[in-house]
Structure formats: C-alpha cells, structure tokens
Amino acid sequence: MVSWVLVALTAVLSLGFVSSTYAETLTGEQTTLSGDLQNNPVAQDILEKIEKSKHWIEQLQQRNFETAQKQKELDAKRVEVLQYLENDLKKWEELWGYYTFDGILERALENSPAKDTDSIYDHPLKFTASKIGAGRVALQTVLEHGGTPEEARDAFVSTAKITRAEMLSANSIYNILNNNAYYNQQILFNTDGNFDLTLSGKELRKYYQDYRTNPSYLKANPFDKLS
C-alpha cells in the first residue's frame, strides 16, 4: 500500500507542475491540489488513489495493532495454561509418587537397619532397587548416544530385569546375612534353586540332623515311642 502512495506522488510530480501555483499541498490528514491541478483528471485520479492508499495504510496499521494485541493476549493465555499444566503434573506426581517403587523402598527402609548400609543384599527391595538404577543408567546412556526411545526402553528392560538365578542368589545371601539360613546349607543348592542330588548321605549329615535323635526334641516329647 505504501508503494501506491510513492507511485502516485511520483506521477503528480512527473506532470511538470512544479511551481508554487500548481504545487501539491498536504493539509492535515487529507491531500489537496491547488491551481489548475484541481481540474486535471489525471491529477484527480492520482489524488483519489493517494487518499485510498492512505486509508488502506490506516486499516493495515489498525489490523497490525489488533493482531499484536491478540498475539499478546494469546501469549499470556499460553503462559497461564502452561502454569496450570505444570501445577496439575506436580499434583499428579505427588499423588502417584506414593505408589512408585522409590516410594515403596523409602517407606520399607524407614525403620530398617539396612537404611544406612551400602549392601544391596541386606534388604529384599534393595537388590531390586539396584537393578532398576542400573536400568535407568542404561536408558540414559542410549539416549545420550543418539539412540531411539525404543532402543533406550529395550536397554532399560534388558538391564533391569531380574533372572531367576539372580533372584535365588540374592535371596540366599539375604538369608545368610539375616541368620535365616547357614552358608553351608545354602551351597547345597544350585543356581536354579534345586537340591544337589549327587551329595552323599555322609556329606548331608554334616548339615542336617535327624530330629528324632536330637536330645532337645526327646526331652520336649517324652511320649514319642517311635523316637
């Protein structure tokens, strides 16, 4: 639209009427012509185009202002909505944080002697926590090296999963540390949790005693005729 004004002004000047009698005069917001130019059809047409162009420019300026105002309001609403969303997500995390594994572990260790120890075998959940922690590290490593979300997820699952052999081994160590079992008895089972059937009776008697020959049992059960 601005180019229209420039073209029109150039055309007026190109008519050759450059004296003060025929000069173009700008008064206020309206452009007027003086002298013989008032009766010149070409000049009148150009003047009309100038006035239209000025009107169009005013409309554009008003539209730009309105657009800027709407954009400003939109940006303010966007900030407001994002704040609401952030607050909702925070409440959601607080609500479901109680049921996460980290929350369960924290409550389980709250009054446990294992809370301040470094061992991962002195509490049943600490071994699981160590596997989950390793899975998170594996996931983050894949992402940092440009891996896809699917590859990162697979890395987490592969690293965090607990095999049956690992579970049995961790359980054995936990039982030994908490005096729920003897090491010499635990080693009689293989990594699959099955009893070693190749052991002889003589070897087994090192670890097990027939309850019927136990003096404490006989004293507590004097009427057991079979024993």
C-alpha atoms as a PDB file:
ATOM      1  CA  MET A   1       0.000   0.000   0.000  1.00  0.00           C
ATOM      2  CA  VAL A   2       2.828   2.394   0.777  1.00  0.00           C
ATOM      3  CA  SER A   3       4.177   1.864  -2.723  1.00  0.00           C
ATOM      4  CA  TRP A   4       0.901   3.195  -4.101  1.00  0.00           C
ATOM      5  CA  VAL A   5       1.489   6.495  -2.364  1.00  0.00           C
ATOM      6  CA  LEU A   6       5.020   6.764  -3.695  1.00  0.00           C
ATOM      7  CA  VAL A   7       3.917   5.907  -7.223  1.00  0.00           C
ATOM      8  CA  ALA A   8       1.088   8.430  -7.056  1.00  0.00           C
ATOM      9  CA  LEU A   9       3.309  11.212  -5.761  1.00  0.00           C
ATOM     10  CA  THR A  10       5.876  10.472  -8.430  1.00  0.00           C
ATOM     11  CA  ALA A  11       3.179  10.646 -11.076  1.00  0.00           C
ATOM     12  CA  VAL A  12       1.965  14.012  -9.781  1.00  0.00           C
ATOM     13  CA  LEU A  13       5.451  15.461  -9.889  1.00  0.00           C
ATOM     14  CA  SER A  14       6.003  13.988 -13.332  1.00  0.00           C
ATOM     15  CA  LEU A  15       3.134  16.110 -14.680  1.00  0.00           C
ATOM     16  CA  GLY A  16       5.545  19.012 -14.752  1.00  0.00           C
ATOM     17  CA  PHE A  17       3.613  21.400 -12.492  1.00  0.00           C
ATOM     18  CA  VAL A  18       6.371  22.205 -10.065  1.00  0.00           C
ATOM     19  CA  SER A  19       5.685  25.902  -9.499  1.00  0.00           C
ATOM     20  CA  SER A  20       4.169  27.181  -6.293  1.00  0.00           C
ATOM     21  CA  THR A  21       0.883  27.863  -8.103  1.00  0.00           C
ATOM     22  CA  TYR A  22       0.436  24.222  -9.081  1.00  0.00           C
ATOM     23  CA  ALA A  23       2.325  22.619  -6.208  1.00  0.00           C
ATOM     24  CA  GLU A  24       0.733  19.851  -4.239  1.00  0.00           C
ATOM     25  CA  THR A  25      -0.239  20.852  -0.763  1.00  0.00           C
ATOM     26  CA  LEU A  26      -0.639  18.448   2.183  1.00  0.00           C
ATOM     27  CA  THR A  27      -3.056  19.709   4.808  1.00  0.00           C
ATOM     28  CA  GLY A  28      -3.765  17.625   7.889  1.00  0.00           C
ATOM     29  CA  GLU A  29      -4.787  14.088   7.029  1.00  0.00           C
ATOM     30  CA  GLN A  30      -6.147  14.933   3.577  1.00  0.00           C
ATOM     31  CA  THR A  31      -4.105  15.606   0.450  1.00  0.00           C
ATOM     32  CA  THR A  32      -5.403  18.543  -1.723  1.00  0.00           C
ATOM     33  CA  LEU A  33      -4.410  20.028  -5.062  1.00  0.00           C
ATOM     34  CA  SER A  34      -4.124  23.700  -5.893  1.00  0.00           C
ATOM     35  CA  GLY A  35      -4.448  25.685  -9.053  1.00  0.00           C
ATOM     36  CA  ASP A  36      -5.099  24.038 -12.388  1.00  0.00           C
ATOM     37  CA  LEU A  37      -4.379  20.572 -10.960  1.00  0.00           C
ATOM     38  CA  GLN A  38      -7.839  20.619  -9.420  1.00  0.00           C
ATOM     39  CA  ASN A  39      -9.328  20.426 -12.893  1.00  0.00           C
ATOM     40  CA  ASN A  40      -6.812  17.874 -14.206  1.00  0.00           C
ATOM     41  CA  PRO A  41      -8.469  14.403 -14.496  1.00  0.00           C
ATOM     42  CA  VAL A  42      -5.148  12.605 -14.193  1.00  0.00           C
ATOM     43  CA  ALA A  43      -4.244  14.580 -11.093  1.00  0.00           C
ATOM     44  CA  GLN A  44      -7.703  13.974  -9.630  1.00  0.00           C
ATOM     45  CA  ASP A  45      -7.380  10.224 -10.276  1.00  0.00           C
ATOM     46  CA  ILE A  46      -3.948  10.138  -8.686  1.00  0.00           C
ATOM     47  CA  LEU A  47      -5.226  12.133  -5.703  1.00  0.00           C
ATOM     48  CA  GLU A  48      -8.071   9.676  -5.267  1.00  0.00           C
ATOM     49  CA  LYS A  49      -5.612   6.789  -5.320  1.00  0.00           C
ATOM     50  CA  ILE A  50      -3.438   8.583  -2.753  1.00  0.00           C
ATOM     51  CA  GLU A  51      -6.412   9.001  -0.417  1.00  0.00           C
ATOM     52  CA  LYS A  52      -7.387   5.359  -0.857  1.00  0.00           C
ATOM     53  CA  SER A  53      -3.826   4.288  -0.195  1.00  0.00           C
ATOM     54  CA  LYS A  54      -3.694   6.370   2.954  1.00  0.00           C
ATOM     55  CA  HIS A  55      -6.958   4.790   4.086  1.00  0.00           C
ATOM     56  CA  TRP A  56      -5.611   1.314   3.355  1.00  0.00           C
ATOM     57  CA  ILE A  57      -2.445   2.092   5.298  1.00  0.00           C
ATOM     58  CA  GLU A  58      -4.528   3.190   8.275  1.00  0.00           C
ATOM     59  CA  GLN A  59      -6.523  -0.038   8.075  1.00  0.00           C
ATOM     60  CA  LEU A  60      -3.337  -2.095   7.899  1.00  0.00           C
ATOM     61  CA  GLN A  61      -1.880  -0.272  10.870  1.00  0.00           C
ATOM     62  CA  GLN A  62      -5.093  -0.886  12.812  1.00  0.00           C
ATOM     63  CA  ARG A  63      -5.072  -4.567  11.830  1.00  0.00           C
ATOM     64  CA  ASN A  64      -1.418  -4.886  12.801  1.00  0.00           C
ATOM     65  CA  PHE A  65      -2.197  -3.302  16.161  1.00  0.00           C
ATOM     66  CA  GLU A  66      -5.152  -5.609  16.705  1.00  0.00           C
ATOM     67  CA  THR A  67      -3.058  -8.620  15.647  1.00  0.00           C
ATOM     68  CA  ALA A  68      -0.303  -7.595  18.037  1.00  0.00           C
ATOM     69  CA  GLN A  69      -2.834  -7.232  20.835  1.00  0.00           C
ATOM     70  CA  LYS A  70      -4.346 -10.628  20.080  1.00  0.00           C
ATOM     71  CA  GLN A  71      -0.873 -12.196  19.961  1.00  0.00           C
ATOM     72  CA  LYS A  72      -0.049 -10.590  23.284  1.00  0.00           C
ATOM     73  CA  GLU A  73      -3.240 -11.963  24.807  1.00  0.00           C
ATOM     74  CA  LEU A  74      -2.560 -15.377  23.267  1.00  0.00           C
ATOM     75  CA  ASP A  75       0.964 -15.457  24.711  1.00  0.00           C
ATOM     76  CA  ALA A  76      -0.398 -14.513  28.135  1.00  0.00           C
ATOM     77  CA  LYS A  77      -3.025 -17.272  27.929  1.00  0.00           C
ATOM     78  CA  ARG A  78      -0.380 -19.756  26.817  1.00  0.00           C
ATOM     79  CA  VAL A  79       1.789 -18.919  29.842  1.00  0.00           C
ATOM     80  CA  GLU A  80      -1.249 -19.234  32.097  1.00  0.00           C
ATOM     81  CA  VAL A  81      -2.245 -22.615  30.654  1.00  0.00           C
ATOM     82  CA  LEU A  82       1.313 -23.942  30.910  1.00  0.00           C
ATOM     83  CA  GLN A  83       1.404 -22.897  34.555  1.00  0.00           C
ATOM     84  CA  TYR A  84      -1.861 -24.731  35.195  1.00  0.00           C
ATOM     85  CA  LEU A  85      -0.487 -27.796  33.426  1.00  0.00           C
ATOM     86  CA  GLU A  86       2.719 -27.693  35.448  1.00  0.00           C
ATOM     87  CA  ASN A  87       0.724 -27.465  38.679  1.00  0.00           C
ATOM     88  CA  ASP A  88      -1.500 -30.364  37.622  1.00  0.00           C
ATOM     89  CA  LEU A  89       1.520 -32.501  36.733  1.00  0.00           C
ATOM     90  CA  LYS A  90       3.086 -31.712  40.092  1.00  0.00           C
ATOM     91  CA  LYS A  91      -0.092 -32.777  41.898  1.00  0.00           C
ATOM     92  CA  TRP A  92      -0.239 -35.911  39.750  1.00  0.00           C
ATOM     93  CA  GLU A  93       3.346 -36.818  40.649  1.00  0.00           C
ATOM     94  CA  GLU A  94       2.661 -36.205  44.332  1.00  0.00           C
ATOM     95  CA  LEU A  95      -0.471 -38.359  44.146  1.00  0.00           C
ATOM     96  CA  TRP A  96       1.112 -41.331  42.395  1.00  0.00           C
ATOM     97  CA  GLY A  97       4.566 -40.888  43.894  1.00  0.00           C
ATOM     98  CA  TYR A  98       3.329 -42.828  46.896  1.00  0.00           C
ATOM     99  CA  TYR A  99       2.896 -45.936  44.731  1.00  0.00           C
ATOM    100  CA  THR A 100       6.189 -45.766  42.839  1.00  0.00           C
ATOM    101  CA  PHE A 101       8.937 -48.241  43.646  1.00  0.00           C
ATOM    102  CA  ASP A 102      11.086 -45.430  45.033  1.00  0.00           C
ATOM    103  CA  GLY A 103       8.264 -44.514  47.405  1.00  0.00           C
ATOM    104  CA  ILE A 104       7.782 -48.122  48.475  1.00  0.00           C
ATOM    105  CA  LEU A 105      11.518 -48.546  49.070  1.00  0.00           C
ATOM    106  CA  GLU A 106      11.709 -45.358  51.116  1.00  0.00           C
ATOM    107  CA  ARG A 107       8.875 -46.497  53.390  1.00  0.00           C
ATOM    108  CA  ALA A 108      10.297 -50.018  53.682  1.00  0.00           C
ATOM    109  CA  LEU A 109      13.706 -48.722  54.797  1.00  0.00           C
ATOM    110  CA  GLU A 110      12.347 -46.011  57.083  1.00  0.00           C
ATOM    111  CA  ASN A 111      12.745 -48.063  60.271  1.00  0.00           C
ATOM    112  CA  SER A 112      15.133 -50.688  58.929  1.00  0.00           C
ATOM    113  CA  PRO A 113      18.795 -51.055  59.945  1.00  0.00           C
ATOM    114  CA  ALA A 114      19.525 -51.513  56.231  1.00  0.00           C
ATOM    115  CA  LYS A 115      18.625 -47.876  55.557  1.00  0.00           C
ATOM    116  CA  ASP A 116      22.171 -46.563  56.103  1.00  0.00           C
ATOM    117  CA  THR A 117      24.161 -49.503  54.734  1.00  0.00           C
ATOM    118  CA  ASP A 118      25.814 -49.872  51.332  1.00  0.00           C
ATOM    119  CA  SER A 119      24.960 -53.529  50.816  1.00  0.00           C
ATOM    120  CA  ILE A 120      22.272 -54.386  48.305  1.00  0.00           C
ATOM    121  CA  TYR A 121      21.628 -57.768  49.930  1.00  0.00           C
ATOM    122  CA  ASP A 122      20.619 -56.786  53.467  1.00  0.00           C
ATOM    123  CA  HIS A 123      17.053 -55.940  52.406  1.00  0.00           C
ATOM    124  CA  PRO A 124      14.888 -57.702  49.807  1.00  0.00           C
ATOM    125  CA  LEU A 125      13.972 -54.475  47.994  1.00  0.00           C
ATOM    126  CA  LYS A 126      17.490 -53.022  47.830  1.00  0.00           C
ATOM    127  CA  PHE A 127      18.635 -55.599  45.294  1.00  0.00           C
ATOM    128  CA  THR A 128      15.625 -54.751  43.126  1.00  0.00           C
ATOM    129  CA  ALA A 129      16.443 -51.052  43.518  1.00  0.00           C
ATOM    130  CA  SER A 130      19.993 -51.690  42.318  1.00  0.00           C
ATOM    131  CA  LYS A 131      18.686 -53.381  39.170  1.00  0.00           C
ATOM    132  CA  ILE A 132      16.257 -50.539  38.456  1.00  0.00           C
ATOM    133  CA  GLY A 133      19.042 -48.000  38.985  1.00  0.00           C
ATOM    134  CA  ALA A 134      21.264 -49.864  36.515  1.00  0.00           C
ATOM    135  CA  GLY A 135      18.382 -49.910  34.019  1.00  0.00           C
ATOM    136  CA  ARG A 136      17.942 -46.153  34.283  1.00  0.00           C
ATOM    137  CA  VAL A 137      21.640 -45.620  33.650  1.00  0.00           C
ATOM    138  CA  ALA A 138      21.485 -47.876  30.588  1.00  0.00           C
ATOM    139  CA  LEU A 139      18.451 -45.992  29.258  1.00  0.00           C
ATOM    140  CA  GLN A 140      20.105 -42.597  29.690  1.00  0.00           C
ATOM    141  CA  THR A 141      23.320 -43.826  28.060  1.00  0.00           C
ATOM    142  CA  VAL A 142      21.464 -44.952  24.936  1.00  0.00           C
ATOM    143  CA  LEU A 143      19.677 -41.595  24.647  1.00  0.00           C
ATOM    144  CA  GLU A 144      22.899 -39.626  25.114  1.00  0.00           C
ATOM    145  CA  HIS A 145      24.486 -41.566  22.251  1.00  0.00           C
ATOM    146  CA  GLY A 146      21.631 -40.802  19.884  1.00  0.00           C
ATOM    147  CA  GLY A 147      19.610 -43.960  20.356  1.00  0.00           C
ATOM    148  CA  THR A 148      15.870 -44.101  19.706  1.00  0.00           C
ATOM    149  CA  PRO A 149      13.299 -44.233  22.519  1.00  0.00           C
ATOM    150  CA  GLU A 150      12.600 -47.867  21.627  1.00  0.00           C
ATOM    151  CA  GLU A 151      16.301 -48.745  21.922  1.00  0.00           C
ATOM    152  CA  ALA A 152      16.513 -46.912  25.245  1.00  0.00           C
ATOM    153  CA  ARG A 153      13.466 -48.789  26.529  1.00  0.00           C
ATOM    154  CA  ASP A 154      14.912 -52.140  25.445  1.00  0.00           C
ATOM    155  CA  ALA A 155      18.201 -51.270  27.179  1.00  0.00           C
ATOM    156  CA  PHE A 156      16.331 -50.493  30.386  1.00  0.00           C
ATOM    157  CA  VAL A 157      14.340 -53.733  30.302  1.00  0.00           C
ATOM    158  CA  SER A 158      17.398 -55.842  29.473  1.00  0.00           C
ATOM    159  CA  THR A 159      19.463 -54.332  32.293  1.00  0.00           C
ATOM    160  CA  ALA A 160      16.784 -54.002  34.964  1.00  0.00           C
ATOM    161  CA  LYS A 161      15.215 -57.450  34.645  1.00  0.00           C
ATOM    162  CA  ILE A 162      15.992 -59.994  37.367  1.00  0.00           C
ATOM    163  CA  THR A 163      16.613 -63.557  36.285  1.00  0.00           C
ATOM    164  CA  ARG A 164      15.555 -66.496  38.409  1.00  0.00           C
ATOM    165  CA  ALA A 165      19.175 -67.386  39.141  1.00  0.00           C
ATOM    166  CA  GLU A 166      19.890 -63.815  40.307  1.00  0.00           C
ATOM    167  CA  MET A 167      16.806 -63.825  42.496  1.00  0.00           C
ATOM    168  CA  LEU A 168      17.757 -67.120  44.148  1.00  0.00           C
ATOM    169  CA  SER A 169      21.326 -65.971  44.686  1.00  0.00           C
ATOM    170  CA  ALA A 170      20.253 -62.660  46.219  1.00  0.00           C
ATOM    171  CA  ASN A 171      17.724 -64.452  48.422  1.00  0.00           C
ATOM    172  CA  SER A 172      20.368 -66.876  49.651  1.00  0.00           C
ATOM    173  CA  ILE A 173      22.757 -64.081  50.554  1.00  0.00           C
ATOM    174  CA  TYR A 174      19.939 -62.203  52.314  1.00  0.00           C
ATOM    175  CA  ASN A 175      19.014 -65.276  54.344  1.00  0.00           C
ATOM    176  CA  ILE A 176      22.606 -65.855  55.381  1.00  0.00           C
ATOM    177  CA  LEU A 177      23.158 -62.222  56.396  1.00  0.00           C
ATOM    178  CA  ASN A 178      19.974 -62.252  58.473  1.00  0.00           C
ATOM    179  CA  ASN A 179      20.682 -65.644  60.082  1.00  0.00           C
ATOM    180  CA  ASN A 180      17.739 -67.273  58.366  1.00  0.00           C
ATOM    181  CA  ALA A 181      19.982 -69.933  56.832  1.00  0.00           C
ATOM    182  CA  TYR A 182      23.513 -71.286  57.071  1.00  0.00           C
ATOM    183  CA  TYR A 183      26.005 -70.792  54.300  1.00  0.00           C
ATOM    184  CA  ASN A 184      26.951 -74.489  54.355  1.00  0.00           C
ATOM    185  CA  GLN A 185      23.314 -75.327  53.763  1.00  0.00           C
ATOM    186  CA  GLN A 186      22.767 -72.760  51.041  1.00  0.00           C
ATOM    187  CA  ILE A 187      25.620 -74.073  48.940  1.00  0.00           C
ATOM    188  CA  LEU A 188      23.854 -77.428  48.718  1.00  0.00           C
ATOM    189  CA  PHE A 189      21.507 -75.840  46.163  1.00  0.00           C
ATOM    190  CA  ASN A 190      22.494 -74.978  42.614  1.00  0.00           C
ATOM    191  CA  THR A 191      21.853 -71.688  40.822  1.00  0.00           C
ATOM    192  CA  ASP A 192      18.406 -72.894  39.796  1.00  0.00           C
ATOM    193  CA  GLY A 193      17.399 -73.477  43.412  1.00  0.00           C
ATOM    194  CA  ASN A 194      17.423 -77.245  43.034  1.00  0.00           C
ATOM    195  CA  PHE A 195      18.961 -79.540  45.620  1.00  0.00           C
ATOM    196  CA  ASP A 196      22.207 -81.196  44.579  1.00  0.00           C
ATOM    197  CA  LEU A 197      21.179 -84.838  44.367  1.00  0.00           C
ATOM    198  CA  THR A 198      24.756 -86.046  43.910  1.00  0.00           C
ATOM    199  CA  LEU A 199      25.600 -85.383  47.555  1.00  0.00           C
ATOM    200  CA  SER A 200      26.068 -88.486  49.684  1.00  0.00           C
ATOM    201  CA  GLY A 201      24.277 -89.178  52.939  1.00  0.00           C
ATOM    202  CA  LYS A 202      27.525 -88.761  54.847  1.00  0.00           C
ATOM    203  CA  GLU A 203      28.001 -85.256  53.451  1.00  0.00           C
ATOM    204  CA  LEU A 204      24.414 -84.321  54.169  1.00  0.00           C
ATOM    205  CA  ARG A 205      24.685 -85.429  57.785  1.00  0.00           C
ATOM    206  CA  LYS A 206      27.249 -82.662  58.270  1.00  0.00           C
ATOM    207  CA  TYR A 207      24.466 -80.142  57.843  1.00  0.00           C
ATOM    208  CA  TYR A 208      21.278 -81.935  58.866  1.00  0.00           C
ATOM    209  CA  GLN A 209      20.378 -83.885  61.983  1.00  0.00           C
ATOM    210  CA  ASP A 210      17.562 -86.341  62.439  1.00  0.00           C
ATOM    211  CA  TYR A 211      15.143 -84.621  64.768  1.00  0.00           C
ATOM    212  CA  ARG A 212      14.366 -87.964  66.432  1.00  0.00           C
ATOM    213  CA  THR A 213      17.918 -88.171  67.756  1.00  0.00           C
ATOM    214  CA  ASN A 214      18.033 -84.603  68.994  1.00  0.00           C
ATOM    215  CA  PRO A 215      18.152 -84.554  72.827  1.00  0.00           C
ATOM    216  CA  SER A 216      16.171 -81.353  72.953  1.00  0.00           C
ATOM    217  CA  TYR A 217      13.402 -82.938  70.915  1.00  0.00           C
ATOM    218  CA  LEU A 218      13.366 -86.091  73.056  1.00  0.00           C
ATOM    219  CA  LYS A 219      13.165 -84.009  76.225  1.00  0.00           C
ATOM    220  CA  ALA A 220      10.285 -81.982  74.834  1.00  0.00           C
ATOM    221  CA  ASN A 221       8.473 -85.098  73.518  1.00  0.00           C
ATOM    222  CA  PRO A 222       8.899 -87.849  76.112  1.00  0.00           C
ATOM    223  CA  PHE A 223       5.892 -89.782  74.826  1.00  0.00           C
ATOM    224  CA  ASP A 224       7.218 -90.200  71.277  1.00  0.00           C
ATOM    225  CA  LYS A 225       7.607 -94.013  71.446  1.00  0.00           C
ATOM    226  CA  LEU A 226       8.926 -94.262  67.876  1.00  0.00           C
ATOM    227  CA  SER A 227      11.860 -91.956  68.666  1.00  0.00           C
END
